[in-house]
Amino acid sequence: MEDNQILELEEQKSGLGKVEISPEVIEVIAGIAAQEVEGIAALRGSFATDVAERLGRKNHGKGVKVDLNESGIIVDVSVIIVYGASVPEVANLVQMNIKQTLHTMTAIQLEAINVHVVGVQFESSEPFKEE
């Protein structure tokens, strides 16, 4: 993805001007939408994003890659799922939530949303509670 790529939305009838959306904004929206899905433990970013996050810089676009090309917008999401969750069901929910959230917030249509399951979280971070 080039640094100067910007998604330009269709001009509204108000005639007030144009609206442009940076791919980084789409990454953040898609990342937050993916994390909302039950069964997702985390998103997996690159080594650089992991180091930056350990240094205190929160990256909501971590694990999301947006590709703007002639055929449309393609979103790739790398996720870690919770052990025991249905992979096809969780992946489908991630796709649907990203599609709905991006359409609601930006009115853009996506060509594809690719979900890459790159890990499984076996343990819960919460201690086991007996009832």
Protein backbone atom coordinates (compact mmCIF):
# COMPACT_ATOMS: atom_id res chain seq x y z
CA MET A 1 0.00 0.00 0.00
CA GLU A 2 1.38 3.37 -0.94
CA ASP A 3 1.57 6.10 1.68
CA ASN A 4 -0.25 8.64 -0.48
CA GLN A 5 -3.29 6.47 -1.23
CA ILE A 6 -6.48 8.04 0.07
CA LEU A 7 -10.00 6.78 -0.45
CA GLU A 8 -12.20 9.50 -1.88
CA LEU A 9 -15.91 9.14 -1.13
CA GLU A 10 -18.51 10.05 -3.71
CA GLU A 11 -19.44 13.70 -3.45
CA GLN A 12 -22.73 14.29 -1.67
CA LYS A 13 -25.49 16.47 -3.14
CA SER A 14 -24.82 19.23 -0.60
CA GLY A 15 -21.96 20.54 -2.73
CA LEU A 16 -19.86 21.42 0.30
CA GLY A 17 -16.76 19.64 -0.94
CA LYS A 18 -15.19 16.22 -0.93
CA VAL A 19 -14.50 13.72 1.84
CA GLU A 20 -11.31 11.66 1.89
CA ILE A 21 -10.55 8.76 4.20
CA SER A 22 -7.04 7.54 4.94
CA PRO A 23 -6.46 3.75 4.83
CA GLU A 24 -5.23 4.00 8.44
CA VAL A 25 -8.71 5.12 9.49
CA ILE A 26 -10.22 2.06 7.80
CA GLU A 27 -7.65 -0.12 9.59
CA VAL A 28 -8.60 1.32 12.99
CA ILE A 29 -12.34 0.91 12.39
CA ALA A 30 -11.90 -2.67 11.14
CA GLY A 31 -9.59 -3.54 14.05
CA ILE A 32 -12.04 -2.32 16.66
CA ALA A 33 -14.94 -4.07 14.90
CA ALA A 34 -13.00 -7.36 14.82
CA GLN A 35 -12.17 -7.17 18.53
CA GLU A 36 -15.86 -6.73 19.38
CA VAL A 37 -16.63 -10.27 18.20
CA GLU A 38 -16.96 -12.92 20.91
CA GLY A 39 -14.34 -15.61 20.40
CA ILE A 40 -11.56 -13.22 19.35
CA ALA A 41 -8.73 -13.14 21.89
CA ALA A 42 -6.60 -10.54 20.09
CA LEU A 43 -5.40 -9.27 16.74
CA ARG A 44 -1.90 -10.17 15.60
CA GLY A 45 0.25 -7.38 14.27
CA SER A 46 3.78 -7.29 12.95
CA PHE A 47 6.89 -7.33 15.11
CA ALA A 48 7.10 -3.52 14.89
CA THR A 49 3.53 -3.00 16.11
CA ASP A 50 4.09 -5.44 18.98
CA VAL A 51 7.24 -3.57 20.09
CA ALA A 52 5.48 -0.20 19.83
CA GLU A 53 2.56 -1.52 21.90
CA ARG A 54 4.93 -2.75 24.63
CA LEU A 55 6.41 0.74 24.77
CA GLY A 56 2.97 2.14 25.57
CA ARG A 57 1.70 3.16 22.15
CA LYS A 58 -1.77 1.71 21.55
CA ASN A 59 -2.35 0.68 17.94
CA HIS A 60 -6.01 0.02 17.14
CA GLY A 61 -5.16 -0.87 13.53
CA LYS A 62 -2.88 -3.71 14.65
CA GLY A 63 -3.46 -6.91 12.72
CA VAL A 64 -5.39 -5.19 9.92
CA LYS A 65 -4.10 -4.46 6.42
CA VAL A 66 -6.09 -2.43 3.90
CA ASP A 67 -5.36 -2.72 0.19
CA LEU A 68 -6.84 -0.08 -2.12
CA ASN A 69 -6.63 -1.13 -5.76
CA GLU A 70 -8.51 -0.77 -9.02
CA SER A 71 -10.93 -3.61 -8.25
CA GLY A 72 -11.90 -2.29 -4.81
CA ILE A 73 -10.95 -2.35 -1.16
CA ILE A 74 -9.62 -5.54 0.40
CA VAL A 75 -9.25 -5.86 4.17
CA ASP A 76 -7.00 -8.57 5.67
CA VAL A 77 -7.39 -9.28 9.39
CA SER A 78 -5.06 -11.54 11.40
CA VAL A 79 -6.73 -12.84 14.54
CA ILE A 80 -6.06 -15.07 17.52
CA ILE A 81 -9.15 -16.97 18.59
CA VAL A 82 -10.15 -18.34 21.96
CA TYR A 83 -9.73 -22.10 22.34
CA GLY A 84 -13.06 -23.85 21.91
CA ALA A 85 -14.62 -21.24 19.62
CA SER A 86 -15.86 -22.32 16.22
CA VAL A 87 -13.35 -20.97 13.71
CA PRO A 88 -15.76 -20.69 10.74
CA GLU A 89 -18.47 -19.10 12.90
CA VAL A 90 -16.13 -16.57 14.53
CA ALA A 91 -14.49 -15.70 11.19
CA ASN A 92 -17.91 -15.15 9.60
CA LEU A 93 -18.96 -12.91 12.50
CA VAL A 94 -15.74 -10.90 12.13
CA GLN A 95 -16.41 -10.42 8.41
CA MET A 96 -20.01 -9.36 9.00
CA ASN A 97 -19.15 -6.96 11.85
CA ILE A 98 -16.34 -5.29 9.87
CA LYS A 99 -18.57 -4.94 6.80
CA GLN A 100 -21.47 -3.48 8.79
CA THR A 101 -19.31 -1.14 10.86
CA LEU A 102 -17.37 0.24 7.88
CA HIS A 103 -20.57 0.69 5.89
CA THR A 104 -22.26 2.51 8.77
CA MET A 105 -19.33 4.77 9.59
CA THR A 106 -17.92 5.47 6.12
CA ALA A 107 -20.54 4.31 3.56
CA ILE A 108 -17.88 2.35 1.67
CA GLN A 109 -18.35 -1.06 0.12
CA LEU A 110 -15.60 -3.66 0.43
CA GLU A 111 -14.56 -6.13 -2.22
CA ALA A 112 -13.33 -8.70 0.31
CA ILE A 113 -12.64 -9.21 3.99
CA ASN A 114 -10.06 -11.95 4.51
CA VAL A 115 -9.76 -13.38 8.02
CA HIS A 116 -6.48 -15.13 8.84
CA VAL A 117 -6.55 -17.20 12.03
CA VAL A 118 -2.90 -17.10 13.14
CA GLY A 119 -3.19 -18.42 16.67
CA VAL A 120 -5.26 -19.90 19.47
CA GLN A 121 -5.34 -18.63 23.03
CA PHE A 122 -5.60 -21.60 25.39
CA GLU A 123 -5.73 -19.89 28.76
CA SER A 124 -8.01 -17.24 30.04
CA SER A 125 -6.39 -14.19 31.61
CA GLU A 126 -9.02 -14.34 34.37
CA PRO A 127 -8.56 -16.80 37.22
CA PHE A 128 -10.96 -19.70 37.42
CA LYS A 129 -13.85 -19.09 39.83
CA GLU A 130 -15.62 -21.89 41.65
CA GLU A 131 -19.31 -21.44 42.34
